[in-house]
C-alpha atoms as a PDB file:
ATOM      1  CA  MET A   1      71.252  43.833 -47.032  1.00  0.00           C
ATOM      2  CA  PRO A   2      71.279  47.684 -46.775  1.00  0.00           C
ATOM      3  CA  GLN A   3      73.657  49.117 -44.155  1.00  0.00           C
ATOM      4  CA  GLU A   4      70.846  50.746 -42.160  1.00  0.00           C
ATOM      5  CA  PHE A   5      69.209  47.327 -41.688  1.00  0.00           C
ATOM      6  CA  LYS A   6      72.482  45.917 -40.376  1.00  0.00           C
ATOM      7  CA  LYS A   7      72.855  48.708 -37.850  1.00  0.00           C
ATOM      8  CA  GLU A   8      69.261  48.405 -36.691  1.00  0.00           C
ATOM      9  CA  TYR A   9      69.487  44.633 -36.296  1.00  0.00           C
ATOM     10  CA  LYS A  10      72.778  44.882 -34.357  1.00  0.00           C
ATOM     11  CA  LYS A  11      71.163  47.351 -31.967  1.00  0.00           C
ATOM     12  CA  ILE A  12      68.146  45.069 -31.380  1.00  0.00           C
ATOM     13  CA  LEU A  13      70.404  42.011 -30.878  1.00  0.00           C
ATOM     14  CA  GLU A  14      72.692  43.887 -28.489  1.00  0.00           C
ATOM     15  CA  GLN A  15      69.762  45.031 -26.350  1.00  0.00           C
ATOM     16  CA  TYR A  16      68.352  41.504 -26.267  1.00  0.00           C
ATOM     17  CA  THR A  17      71.652  39.885 -25.199  1.00  0.00           C
ATOM     18  CA  LEU A  18      71.776  42.326 -22.280  1.00  0.00           C
ATOM     19  CA  ARG A  19      68.148  42.282 -21.090  1.00  0.00           C
ATOM     20  CA  GLN A  20      66.032  39.537 -22.791  1.00  0.00           C
ATOM     21  CA  THR A  21      62.786  41.481 -22.333  1.00  0.00           C
ATOM     22  CA  GLU A  22      59.423  41.149 -24.061  1.00  0.00           C
ATOM     23  CA  HIS A  23      59.995  44.584 -25.543  1.00  0.00           C
ATOM     24  CA  ASN A  24      63.186  43.354 -27.215  1.00  0.00           C
ATOM     25  CA  LEU A  25      61.269  40.437 -28.759  1.00  0.00           C
ATOM     26  CA  TYR A  26      58.547  42.808 -29.948  1.00  0.00           C
ATOM     27  CA  GLU A  27      61.193  44.961 -31.669  1.00  0.00           C
ATOM     28  CA  GLY A  28      62.521  41.833 -33.364  1.00  0.00           C
ATOM     29  CA  GLN A  29      59.061  40.941 -34.632  1.00  0.00           C
ATOM     30  CA  ASN A  30      58.575  44.409 -36.098  1.00  0.00           C
ATOM     31  CA  PHE A  31      62.014  44.228 -37.714  1.00  0.00           C
ATOM     32  CA  SER A  32      61.122  40.935 -39.380  1.00  0.00           C
ATOM     33  CA  LYS A  33      58.230  42.678 -41.132  1.00  0.00           C
ATOM     34  CA  GLN A  34      60.697  45.109 -42.700  1.00  0.00           C
ATOM     35  CA  LEU A  35      62.853  42.216 -43.859  1.00  0.00           C
ATOM     36  CA  ILE A  36      59.874  40.576 -45.551  1.00  0.00           C
ATOM     37  CA  GLN A  37      58.913  43.831 -47.266  1.00  0.00           C
ATOM     38  CA  LYS A  38      62.451  44.207 -48.611  1.00  0.00           C
ATOM     39  CA  ASN A  39      62.511  40.535 -49.681  1.00  0.00           C
ATOM     40  CA  ILE A  40      65.595  39.795 -47.562  1.00  0.00           C
ATOM     41  CA  SER A  41      66.427  36.067 -47.734  1.00  0.00           C
ATOM     42  CA  PRO A  42      66.803  33.870 -44.598  1.00  0.00           C
ATOM     43  CA  GLU A  43      70.513  33.246 -45.298  1.00  0.00           C
ATOM     44  CA  GLU A  44      71.152  37.001 -45.457  1.00  0.00           C
ATOM     45  CA  VAL A  45      69.483  37.436 -42.078  1.00  0.00           C
ATOM     46  CA  ILE A  46      71.671  34.716 -40.551  1.00  0.00           C
ATOM     47  CA  SER A  47      74.775  36.251 -42.100  1.00  0.00           C
ATOM     48  CA  ILE A  48      74.068  39.658 -40.544  1.00  0.00           C
ATOM     49  CA  HIS A  49      73.194  37.946 -37.250  1.00  0.00           C
ATOM     50  CA  LYS A  50      76.613  36.216 -37.239  1.00  0.00           C
ATOM     51  CA  ALA A  51      78.472  39.461 -38.091  1.00  0.00           C
ATOM     52  CA  SER A  52      76.593  41.410 -35.424  1.00  0.00           C
ATOM     53  CA  LEU A  53      77.219  38.724 -32.811  1.00  0.00           C
ATOM     54  CA  GLU A  54      80.995  38.797 -33.553  1.00  0.00           C
ATOM     55  CA  GLU A  55      81.023  42.549 -32.860  1.00  0.00           C
ATOM     56  CA  ILE A  56      78.858  42.301 -29.737  1.00  0.00           C
ATOM     57  CA  ILE A  57      80.708  39.286 -28.247  1.00  0.00           C
ATOM     58  CA  PRO A  58      84.293  39.333 -29.630  1.00  0.00           C
ATOM     59  CA  ASP A  59      85.403  36.294 -27.630  1.00  0.00           C
ATOM     60  CA  LEU A  60      82.571  34.033 -28.834  1.00  0.00           C
ATOM     61  CA  PRO A  61      83.917  30.478 -29.319  1.00  0.00           C
ATOM     62  CA  ALA A  62      84.932  29.690 -32.905  1.00  0.00           C
ATOM     63  CA  ASN A  63      82.847  26.512 -33.059  1.00  0.00           C
ATOM     64  CA  VAL A  64      79.720  28.559 -32.284  1.00  0.00           C
ATOM     65  CA  LEU A  65      80.504  30.966 -35.099  1.00  0.00           C
ATOM     66  CA  HIS A  66      81.182  28.077 -37.480  1.00  0.00           C
ATOM     67  CA  SER A  67      77.722  26.675 -36.682  1.00  0.00           C
ATOM     68  CA  PHE A  68      76.206  29.752 -38.306  1.00  0.00           C
ATOM     69  CA  ASP A  69      77.986  28.883 -41.568  1.00  0.00           C
ATOM     70  CA  LEU A  70      76.192  25.533 -41.538  1.00  0.00           C
ATOM     71  CA  LEU A  71      72.908  27.261 -40.763  1.00  0.00           C
ATOM     72  CA  ILE A  72      73.409  29.625 -43.698  1.00  0.00           C
ATOM     73  CA  GLU A  73      73.835  26.670 -46.077  1.00  0.00           C
ATOM     74  CA  VAL A  74      70.719  25.042 -44.659  1.00  0.00           C
ATOM     75  CA  MET A  75      68.746  28.252 -45.059  1.00  0.00           C
ATOM     76  CA  VAL A  76      69.808  28.677 -48.688  1.00  0.00           C
ATOM     77  CA  ARG A  77      67.984  25.450 -49.602  1.00  0.00           C
ATOM     78  CA  TYR A  78      65.213  26.172 -47.148  1.00  0.00           C
ATOM     79  CA  GLY A  79      64.646  29.642 -48.602  1.00  0.00           C
ATOM     80  CA  LEU A  80      64.368  28.271 -52.147  1.00  0.00           C
ATOM     81  CA  ALA A  81      61.944  25.564 -51.029  1.00  0.00           C
ATOM     82  CA  LEU A  82      59.925  28.110 -49.070  1.00  0.00           C
ATOM     83  CA  LYS A  83      59.601  30.392 -52.095  1.00  0.00           C
ATOM     84  CA  GLU A  84      58.447  27.473 -54.239  1.00  0.00           C
ATOM     85  CA  HIS A  85      55.953  26.487 -51.554  1.00  0.00           C
ATOM     86  CA  GLN A  86      54.614  30.030 -51.280  1.00  0.00           C
ATOM     87  CA  ALA A  87      54.330  30.280 -55.068  1.00  0.00           C
ATOM     88  CA  LEU A  88      52.359  27.021 -55.124  1.00  0.00           C
ATOM     89  CA  ILE A  89      50.037  28.259 -52.378  1.00  0.00           C
ATOM     90  CA  GLN A  90      49.474  31.471 -54.334  1.00  0.00           C
ATOM     91  CA  LYS A  91      48.628  29.475 -57.463  1.00  0.00           C
ATOM     92  CA  GLN A  92      46.190  27.355 -55.468  1.00  0.00           C
ATOM     93  CA  GLN A  93      44.562  30.470 -54.026  1.00  0.00           C
ATOM     94  CA  ASN A  94      44.271  31.998 -57.492  1.00  0.00           C
ATOM     95  CA  PHE A  95      42.783  28.766 -58.843  1.00  0.00           C
ATOM     96  CA  LYS A  96      40.314  28.634 -55.958  1.00  0.00           C
ATOM     97  CA  MET A  97      39.242  32.216 -56.647  1.00  0.00           C
ATOM     98  CA  GLU A  98      38.780  31.405 -60.333  1.00  0.00           C
ATOM     99  CA  MET A  99      36.739  28.315 -59.489  1.00  0.00           C
ATOM    100  CA  GLU A 100      34.541  30.311 -57.110  1.00  0.00           C
ATOM    101  CA  LEU A 101      34.013  32.938 -59.816  1.00  0.00           C
ATOM    102  CA  ALA A 102      33.210  30.223 -62.380  1.00  0.00           C
ATOM    103  CA  SER A 103      30.828  28.592 -59.904  1.00  0.00           C
ATOM    104  CA  ASN A 104      28.999  31.886 -59.342  1.00  0.00           C
ATOM    105  CA  VAL A 105      28.759  32.450 -63.096  1.00  0.00           C
ATOM    106  CA  GLN A 106      27.431  28.899 -63.545  1.00  0.00           C
ATOM    107  CA  GLN A 107      24.797  29.379 -60.851  1.00  0.00           C
ATOM    108  CA  THR A 108      23.689  32.632 -62.467  1.00  0.00           C
ATOM    109  CA  LEU A 109      23.576  31.294 -66.028  1.00  0.00           C
ATOM    110  CA  LEU A 110      21.953  27.949 -65.228  1.00  0.00           C
ATOM    111  CA  LYS A 111      19.587  29.148 -62.540  1.00  0.00           C
ATOM    112  CA  THR A 112      16.012  27.965 -62.988  1.00  0.00           C
ATOM    113  CA  LYS A 113      12.862  28.955 -61.129  1.00  0.00           C
ATOM    114  CA  VAL A 114      10.507  26.329 -59.739  1.00  0.00           C
ATOM    115  CA  PRO A 115       7.075  27.200 -61.189  1.00  0.00           C
ATOM    116  CA  GLU A 116       3.814  27.196 -59.252  1.00  0.00           C
ATOM    117  CA  MET A 117       1.225  24.998 -60.964  1.00  0.00           C
ATOM    118  CA  GLN A 118      -2.413  24.363 -60.131  1.00  0.00           C
ATOM    119  CA  GLY A 119      -2.821  20.886 -58.631  1.00  0.00           C
ATOM    120  CA  LEU A 120       0.901  20.092 -58.668  1.00  0.00           C
ATOM    121  CA  ASP A 121       3.375  20.469 -55.807  1.00  0.00           C
ATOM    122  CA  ILE A 122       7.023  20.705 -56.947  1.00  0.00           C
ATOM    123  CA  GLY A 123      10.131  20.275 -54.831  1.00  0.00           C
ATOM    124  CA  MET A 124      13.724  20.584 -55.996  1.00  0.00           C
ATOM    125  CA  ILE A 125      17.197  20.429 -54.467  1.00  0.00           C
ATOM    126  CA  SER A 126      20.560  20.387 -56.260  1.00  0.00           C
ATOM    127  CA  VAL A 127      23.802  20.344 -54.264  1.00  0.00           C
ATOM    128  CA  PRO A 128      27.240  20.119 -55.927  1.00  0.00           C
ATOM    129  CA  ALA A 129      29.850  17.824 -54.399  1.00  0.00           C
ATOM    130  CA  LYS A 130      32.525  20.423 -55.242  1.00  0.00           C
ATOM    131  CA  GLU A 131      32.588  24.002 -56.541  1.00  0.00           C
ATOM    132  CA  MET A 132      31.153  23.232 -59.962  1.00  0.00           C
ATOM    133  CA  ASN A 133      27.884  21.375 -60.387  1.00  0.00           C
ATOM    134  CA  GLY A 134      27.810  18.532 -62.929  1.00  0.00           C
ATOM    135  CA  ASP A 135      24.023  18.222 -62.527  1.00  0.00           C
ATOM    136  CA  TYR A 136      21.506  20.434 -64.279  1.00  0.00           C
ATOM    137  CA  THR A 137      17.785  21.037 -63.869  1.00  0.00           C
ATOM    138  CA  HIS A 138      15.599  23.292 -65.974  1.00  0.00           C
ATOM    139  CA  PHE A 139      11.872  24.064 -65.981  1.00  0.00           C
ATOM    140  CA  LEU A 140       9.657  25.120 -68.870  1.00  0.00           C
ATOM    141  CA  HIS A 141       6.027  25.986 -68.174  1.00  0.00           C
ATOM    142  CA  ASP A 142       2.865  27.673 -69.353  1.00  0.00           C
ATOM    143  CA  GLU A 143      -0.581  27.947 -67.773  1.00  0.00           C
ATOM    144  CA  LYS A 144      -1.368  24.217 -67.862  1.00  0.00           C
ATOM    145  CA  THR A 145       1.891  22.366 -68.617  1.00  0.00           C
ATOM    146  CA  VAL A 146       5.262  22.144 -66.903  1.00  0.00           C
ATOM    147  CA  GLY A 147       8.360  20.539 -68.386  1.00  0.00           C
ATOM    148  CA  ILE A 148      11.341  19.372 -66.331  1.00  0.00           C
ATOM    149  CA  ALA A 149      14.836  18.497 -67.552  1.00  0.00           C
ATOM    150  CA  VAL A 150      17.272  16.667 -65.269  1.00  0.00           C
ATOM    151  CA  ALA A 151      20.755  16.116 -66.712  1.00  0.00           C
ATOM    152  CA  ASP A 152      24.034  14.747 -65.407  1.00  0.00           C
ATOM    153  CA  VAL A 153      27.466  15.202 -66.971  1.00  0.00           C
ATOM    154  CA  ILE A 154      29.773  12.256 -66.368  1.00  0.00           C
ATOM    155  CA  GLY A 155      32.680  14.454 -65.396  1.00  0.00           C
ATOM    156  CA  LYS A 156      33.554  17.313 -63.080  1.00  0.00           C
ATOM    157  CA  GLY A 157      34.845  20.864 -63.046  1.00  0.00           C
ATOM    158  CA  ILE A 158      34.803  23.489 -65.776  1.00  0.00           C
ATOM    159  CA  PRO A 159      34.448  21.023 -68.733  1.00  0.00           C
ATOM    160  CA  ALA A 160      31.240  19.715 -67.147  1.00  0.00           C
ATOM    161  CA  ALA A 161      29.998  23.261 -66.638  1.00  0.00           C
ATOM    162  CA  LEU A 162      30.628  24.050 -70.320  1.00  0.00           C
ATOM    163  CA  CYS A 163      28.607  20.986 -71.302  1.00  0.00           C
ATOM    164  CA  MET A 164      25.751  22.256 -69.169  1.00  0.00           C
ATOM    165  CA  SER A 165      25.844  25.576 -71.022  1.00  0.00           C
ATOM    166  CA  MET A 166      25.165  23.642 -74.255  1.00  0.00           C
ATOM    167  CA  ILE A 167      22.095  22.028 -72.698  1.00  0.00           C
ATOM    168  CA  LYS A 168      20.974  25.414 -71.388  1.00  0.00           C
ATOM    169  CA  TYR A 169      21.336  26.826 -74.920  1.00  0.00           C
ATOM    170  CA  GLY A 170      19.256  23.969 -76.315  1.00  0.00           C
ATOM    171  CA  MET A 171      16.527  24.316 -73.692  1.00  0.00           C
ATOM    172  CA  ASP A 172      16.241  28.039 -74.351  1.00  0.00           C
ATOM    173  CA  SER A 173      15.719  27.334 -78.057  1.00  0.00           C
ATOM    174  CA  LEU A 174      12.580  25.246 -77.458  1.00  0.00           C
ATOM    175  CA  ASP A 175       9.131  26.649 -78.224  1.00  0.00           C
ATOM    176  CA  GLY A 176       7.417  25.822 -74.938  1.00  0.00           C
ATOM    177  CA  ALA A 177       6.513  23.371 -72.210  1.00  0.00           C
ATOM    178  CA  GLU A 178       4.174  21.338 -74.420  1.00  0.00           C
ATOM    179  CA  THR A 179       7.000  20.099 -76.665  1.00  0.00           C
ATOM    180  CA  ASP A 180       7.088  16.290 -76.630  1.00  0.00           C
ATOM    181  CA  PRO A 181       9.927  14.856 -74.498  1.00  0.00           C
ATOM    182  CA  ILE A 182      11.307  12.858 -77.442  1.00  0.00           C
ATOM    183  CA  MET A 183      11.539  16.083 -79.472  1.00  0.00           C
ATOM    184  CA  VAL A 184      13.320  17.853 -76.612  1.00  0.00           C
ATOM    185  CA  LEU A 185      15.904  15.071 -76.297  1.00  0.00           C
ATOM    186  CA  ASP A 186      16.380  15.016 -80.073  1.00  0.00           C
ATOM    187  CA  VAL A 187      17.146  18.759 -80.146  1.00  0.00           C
ATOM    188  CA  ILE A 188      19.536  18.598 -77.192  1.00  0.00           C
ATOM    189  CA  ASN A 189      21.240  15.471 -78.539  1.00  0.00           C
ATOM    190  CA  ARG A 190      22.010  17.124 -81.877  1.00  0.00           C
ATOM    191  CA  ILE A 191      23.471  20.185 -80.142  1.00  0.00           C
ATOM    192  CA  VAL A 192      25.604  18.093 -77.783  1.00  0.00           C
ATOM    193  CA  GLU A 193      26.795  15.787 -80.574  1.00  0.00           C
ATOM    194  CA  LYS A 194      28.123  18.775 -82.531  1.00  0.00           C
ATOM    195  CA  SER A 195      29.445  20.876 -79.658  1.00  0.00           C
ATOM    196  CA  VAL A 196      30.800  18.620 -76.913  1.00  0.00           C
ATOM    197  CA  SER A 197      33.985  16.542 -76.824  1.00  0.00           C
ATOM    198  CA  ASP A 198      33.680  12.798 -77.407  1.00  0.00           C
ATOM    199  CA  SER A 199      35.242  12.262 -73.970  1.00  0.00           C
ATOM    200  CA  MET A 200      32.237  13.841 -72.223  1.00  0.00           C
ATOM    201  CA  PHE A 201      29.055  11.878 -71.616  1.00  0.00           C
ATOM    202  CA  ILE A 202      25.707  13.348 -70.620  1.00  0.00           C
ATOM    203  CA  SER A 203      22.574  11.595 -69.449  1.00  0.00           C
ATOM    204  CA  MET A 204      19.255  13.454 -69.437  1.00  0.00           C
ATOM    205  CA  PHE A 205      15.646  12.895 -68.491  1.00  0.00           C
ATOM    206  CA  TYR A 206      12.814  15.091 -69.706  1.00  0.00           C
ATOM    207  CA  GLY A 207       9.188  14.971 -68.669  1.00  0.00           C
ATOM    208  CA  THR A 208       6.060  17.108 -69.034  1.00  0.00           C
ATOM    209  CA  TYR A 209       3.068  17.226 -66.744  1.00  0.00           C
ATOM    210  CA  ASP A 210      -0.353  18.259 -68.025  1.00  0.00           C
ATOM    211  CA  THR A 211      -2.280  19.688 -65.074  1.00  0.00           C
ATOM    212  CA  LEU A 212      -5.639  19.322 -66.874  1.00  0.00           C
ATOM    213  CA  LYS A 213      -5.163  15.619 -67.636  1.00  0.00           C
ATOM    214  CA  SER A 214      -2.940  14.863 -64.602  1.00  0.00           C
ATOM    215  CA  GLU A 215      -0.723  13.109 -67.116  1.00  0.00           C
ATOM    216  CA  PHE A 216       3.069  12.847 -66.951  1.00  0.00           C
ATOM    217  CA  THR A 217       4.841  12.136 -70.263  1.00  0.00           C
ATOM    218  CA  TYR A 218       8.536  11.340 -70.309  1.00  0.00           C
ATOM    219  CA  ALA A 219      11.617  10.171 -72.220  1.00  0.00           C
ATOM    220  CA  SER A 220      15.192   9.420 -71.203  1.00  0.00           C
ATOM    221  CA  ALA A 221      18.686   9.597 -72.689  1.00  0.00           C
ATOM    222  CA  GLY A 222      20.445   6.989 -70.577  1.00  0.00           C
ATOM    223  CA  HIS A 223      19.433   8.696 -67.339  1.00  0.00           C
ATOM    224  CA  GLU A 224      18.494   7.277 -63.945  1.00  0.00           C
ATOM    225  CA  PRO A 225      14.873   6.083 -64.189  1.00  0.00           C
ATOM    226  CA  PRO A 226      12.491   8.135 -62.033  1.00  0.00           C
ATOM    227  CA  LEU A 227      10.376   6.520 -59.342  1.00  0.00           C
ATOM    228  CA  PHE A 228       6.591   6.641 -59.492  1.00  0.00           C
ATOM    229  CA  TYR A 229       4.868   6.362 -56.116  1.00  0.00           C
ATOM    230  CA  CYS A 230       1.274   5.140 -56.160  1.00  0.00           C
ATOM    231  CA  ALA A 231      -0.527   6.389 -53.056  1.00  0.00           C
ATOM    232  CA  LYS A 232      -3.357   3.873 -53.444  1.00  0.00           C
ATOM    233  CA  SER A 233      -1.079   0.828 -53.291  1.00  0.00           C
ATOM    234  CA  SER A 234       1.719   2.476 -51.272  1.00  0.00           C
ATOM    235  CA  SER A 235       4.277   1.177 -53.755  1.00  0.00           C
ATOM    236  CA  PHE A 236       7.090   2.416 -55.988  1.00  0.00           C
ATOM    237  CA  ALA A 237       7.724   1.590 -59.645  1.00  0.00           C
ATOM    238  CA  GLU A 238      10.519   2.669 -61.993  1.00  0.00           C
ATOM    239  CA  LEU A 239       9.566   4.683 -65.075  1.00  0.00           C
ATOM    240  CA  GLN A 240      11.759   3.032 -67.680  1.00  0.00           C
ATOM    241  CA  ALA A 241      12.426   4.584 -71.093  1.00  0.00           C
ATOM    242  CA  LYS A 242      15.234   3.449 -73.378  1.00  0.00           C
ATOM    243  CA  GLY A 243      17.576   5.900 -75.066  1.00  0.00           C
ATOM    244  CA  LEU A 244      21.298   6.484 -75.693  1.00  0.00           C
ATOM    245  CA  LEU A 245      23.326   9.049 -73.784  1.00  0.00           C
ATOM    246  CA  LEU A 246      23.402  12.491 -75.361  1.00  0.00           C
ATOM    247  CA  GLY A 247      26.010  13.176 -78.026  1.00  0.00           C
ATOM    248  CA  VAL A 248      26.953   9.587 -78.884  1.00  0.00           C
ATOM    249  CA  ILE A 249      25.425   9.742 -82.385  1.00  0.00           C
ATOM    250  CA  ALA A 250      23.370  12.411 -84.151  1.00  0.00           C
ATOM    251  CA  ASN A 251      20.247  10.377 -84.908  1.00  0.00           C
ATOM    252  CA  VAL A 252      18.663   8.580 -81.973  1.00  0.00           C
ATOM    253  CA  GLU A 253      15.165   7.211 -81.524  1.00  0.00           C
ATOM    254  CA  TYR A 254      13.956   7.776 -77.981  1.00  0.00           C
ATOM    255  CA  GLU A 255      11.048   6.064 -76.265  1.00  0.00           C
ATOM    256  CA  GLN A 256       8.166   8.130 -74.902  1.00  0.00           C
ATOM    257  CA  HIS A 257       5.708   6.950 -72.265  1.00  0.00           C
ATOM    258  CA  SER A 258       2.901   8.476 -70.184  1.00  0.00           C
ATOM    259  CA  ILE A 259       1.341   7.833 -66.804  1.00  0.00           C
ATOM    260  CA  VAL A 260      -1.688   9.392 -65.084  1.00  0.00           C
ATOM    261  CA  LEU A 261      -1.342  10.560 -61.480  1.00  0.00           C
ATOM    262  CA  ASP A 262      -4.039  10.367 -58.813  1.00  0.00           C
ATOM    263  CA  LYS A 263      -4.140  12.500 -55.708  1.00  0.00           C
ATOM    264  CA  GLY A 264      -1.169  11.734 -53.451  1.00  0.00           C
ATOM    265  CA  ASP A 265       0.861  10.129 -56.233  1.00  0.00           C
ATOM    266  CA  PHE A 266       4.272  11.582 -56.927  1.00  0.00           C
ATOM    267  CA  ILE A 267       7.238  11.172 -59.260  1.00  0.00           C
ATOM    268  CA  VAL A 268      10.816  11.281 -58.006  1.00  0.00           C
ATOM    269  CA  MET A 269      13.438  12.392 -60.545  1.00  0.00           C
ATOM    270  CA  MET A 270      17.109  12.274 -59.608  1.00  0.00           C
ATOM    271  CA  THR A 271      20.745  11.918 -60.637  1.00  0.00           C
ATOM    272  CA  ASP A 272      23.083   9.106 -59.644  1.00  0.00           C
ATOM    273  CA  GLY A 273      24.260  11.184 -56.692  1.00  0.00           C
ATOM    274  CA  VAL A 274      21.029   9.939 -55.067  1.00  0.00           C
ATOM    275  CA  THR A 275      20.970   6.350 -56.284  1.00  0.00           C
ATOM    276  CA  GLU A 276      24.681   5.696 -55.718  1.00  0.00           C
ATOM    277  CA  CYS A 277      25.053   7.067 -52.206  1.00  0.00           C
ATOM    278  CA  ARG A 278      27.640   5.198 -50.168  1.00  0.00           C
ATOM    279  CA  SER A 279      28.012   4.789 -46.432  1.00  0.00           C
ATOM    280  CA  LYS A 280      31.062   3.303 -44.705  1.00  0.00           C
ATOM    281  CA  ASP A 281      29.450  -0.131 -45.188  1.00  0.00           C
ATOM    282  CA  GLY A 282      29.003   0.241 -48.956  1.00  0.00           C
ATOM    283  CA  PHE A 283      26.290   1.453 -51.318  1.00  0.00           C
ATOM    284  CA  ILE A 284      22.966   2.415 -49.760  1.00  0.00           C
ATOM    285  CA  GLU A 285      20.333   0.022 -51.073  1.00  0.00           C
ATOM    286  CA  PRO A 286      17.629   1.444 -53.381  1.00  0.00           C
ATOM    287  CA  GLN A 287      14.963   0.116 -51.048  1.00  0.00           C
ATOM    288  CA  ALA A 288      16.477   2.131 -48.190  1.00  0.00           C
ATOM    289  CA  VAL A 289      16.245   5.278 -50.334  1.00  0.00           C
ATOM    290  CA  MET A 290      12.617   4.507 -51.189  1.00  0.00           C
ATOM    291  CA  ASP A 291      11.826   3.920 -47.503  1.00  0.00           C
ATOM    292  CA  ILE A 292      13.268   7.330 -46.660  1.00  0.00           C
ATOM    293  CA  ILE A 293      11.164   8.994 -49.352  1.00  0.00           C
ATOM    294  CA  GLU A 294       8.001   7.141 -48.328  1.00  0.00           C
ATOM    295  CA  SER A 295       8.493   8.111 -44.670  1.00  0.00           C
ATOM    296  CA  VAL A 296       7.774  11.765 -45.601  1.00  0.00           C
ATOM    297  CA  ARG A 297       5.141  11.158 -48.310  1.00  0.00           C
ATOM    298  CA  ASP A 298       2.581  13.317 -46.461  1.00  0.00           C
ATOM    299  CA  GLN A 299       4.827  16.382 -46.394  1.00  0.00           C
ATOM    300  CA  SER A 300       5.148  19.033 -49.107  1.00  0.00           C
ATOM    301  CA  ALA A 301       7.342  18.203 -52.097  1.00  0.00           C
ATOM    302  CA  GLN A 302      10.023  20.698 -51.023  1.00  0.00           C
ATOM    303  CA  GLU A 303      10.077  19.340 -47.482  1.00  0.00           C
ATOM    304  CA  MET A 304      10.414  15.838 -48.948  1.00  0.00           C
ATOM    305  CA  VAL A 305      13.466  16.586 -51.115  1.00  0.00           C
ATOM    306  CA  GLU A 306      15.201  18.463 -48.302  1.00  0.00           C
ATOM    307  CA  PHE A 307      14.547  15.655 -45.811  1.00  0.00           C
ATOM    308  CA  VAL A 308      15.846  13.005 -48.217  1.00  0.00           C
ATOM    309  CA  PHE A 309      18.996  15.036 -48.909  1.00  0.00           C
ATOM    310  CA  HIS A 310      19.792  15.586 -45.236  1.00  0.00           C
ATOM    311  CA  ARG A 311      19.073  11.955 -44.344  1.00  0.00           C
ATOM    312  CA  LEU A 312      21.313  10.590 -47.118  1.00  0.00           C
ATOM    313  CA  GLU A 313      23.961  13.180 -46.284  1.00  0.00           C
ATOM    314  CA  GLU A 314      23.902  11.909 -42.706  1.00  0.00           C
ATOM    315  CA  LEU A 315      24.226   8.282 -43.852  1.00  0.00           C
ATOM    316  CA  GLN A 316      27.277   9.310 -45.898  1.00  0.00           C
ATOM    317  CA  GLU A 317      28.810  10.956 -42.823  1.00  0.00           C
ATOM    318  CA  PHE A 318      28.249  14.402 -44.395  1.00  0.00           C
ATOM    319  CA  GLU A 319      30.637  13.748 -47.285  1.00  0.00           C
ATOM    320  CA  LEU A 320      29.066  14.106 -50.732  1.00  0.00           C
ATOM    321  CA  ARG A 321      30.946  11.983 -53.253  1.00  0.00           C
ATOM    322  CA  ASP A 322      28.848  13.105 -56.197  1.00  0.00           C
ATOM    323  CA  ASP A 323      26.533  15.952 -57.161  1.00  0.00           C
ATOM    324  CA  PHE A 324      23.089  15.472 -55.643  1.00  0.00           C
ATOM    325  CA  THR A 325      19.902  16.465 -57.490  1.00  0.00           C
ATOM    326  CA  LEU A 326      16.363  15.485 -56.545  1.00  0.00           C
ATOM    327  CA  VAL A 327      13.058  16.726 -58.014  1.00  0.00           C
ATOM    328  CA  ILE A 328       9.566  15.649 -56.949  1.00  0.00           C
ATOM    329  CA  PHE A 329       6.271  16.220 -58.787  1.00  0.00           C
ATOM    330  CA  LYS A 330       3.386  15.518 -56.412  1.00  0.00           C
ATOM    331  CA  LYS A 331      -0.300  15.659 -57.356  1.00  0.00           C
ATOM    332  CA  VAL A 332      -2.364  17.476 -54.741  1.00  0.00           C
END
């Protein structure tokens, strides 16, 4: 420790032993800032404290002075552990900043705009469980047709985000919203099979809605089946379509089906963050989810998805365990 620091500390300590005022403590606090700036170790501070105390109180008992030797040894280990701890905290802060930056980049790159279509009300909500979103939604549309992709990477973090960029690349390469769902899945599957690690699995649903025919056509690559709500019968039905997960093999034959919507009917598309919600008592039953959706069937599609999210979030005690994505197409 530089000599001027020793003199300054001895002066502060001497004044404190005589008066014990708040001002003395304030001087000590300010002095500690200088020590930190000069990267003075805790054991060095104790050593100068002991030397200063011997000069200020010459007749200090020997056993008291010896106790400082023990404290110095303790502080040597403590100082090393503290530096390691601070280095770890700094790494965590740097990692957090990088994740936030990556999350912002992901949101910018994968952002999609909900289109406005004649005779169709669309609602969408997508909330990541952590910084990076493993769910992906994308709209394609023209004057009479809207296409919707809902995908889910079975994984988290930056690898999942990179997988989503492959799907985004594939979606951008398509000609338009009228492309058949089975063709869309075929294109995306080939891209994923060539570009994504075998350890990553992606499910995807793609559907198109023709506003002139009120017809919804769809296909699935191992994704959660959407729910079709029939207003006339006040009942739900799953829209099943067989198909392998994306990227498993290059050549896959997907099933394609169609359904016509009447006024008040709607289709609920989602990821497993909706269907596999868990409360403290276990998984929330599918019927409970359908009851929640049906309870707001008369509201706008956007109000519906937001209500369902907040209600399921509440049932999970406001702790999302998985990314949550919900899209509703409602004929009006």
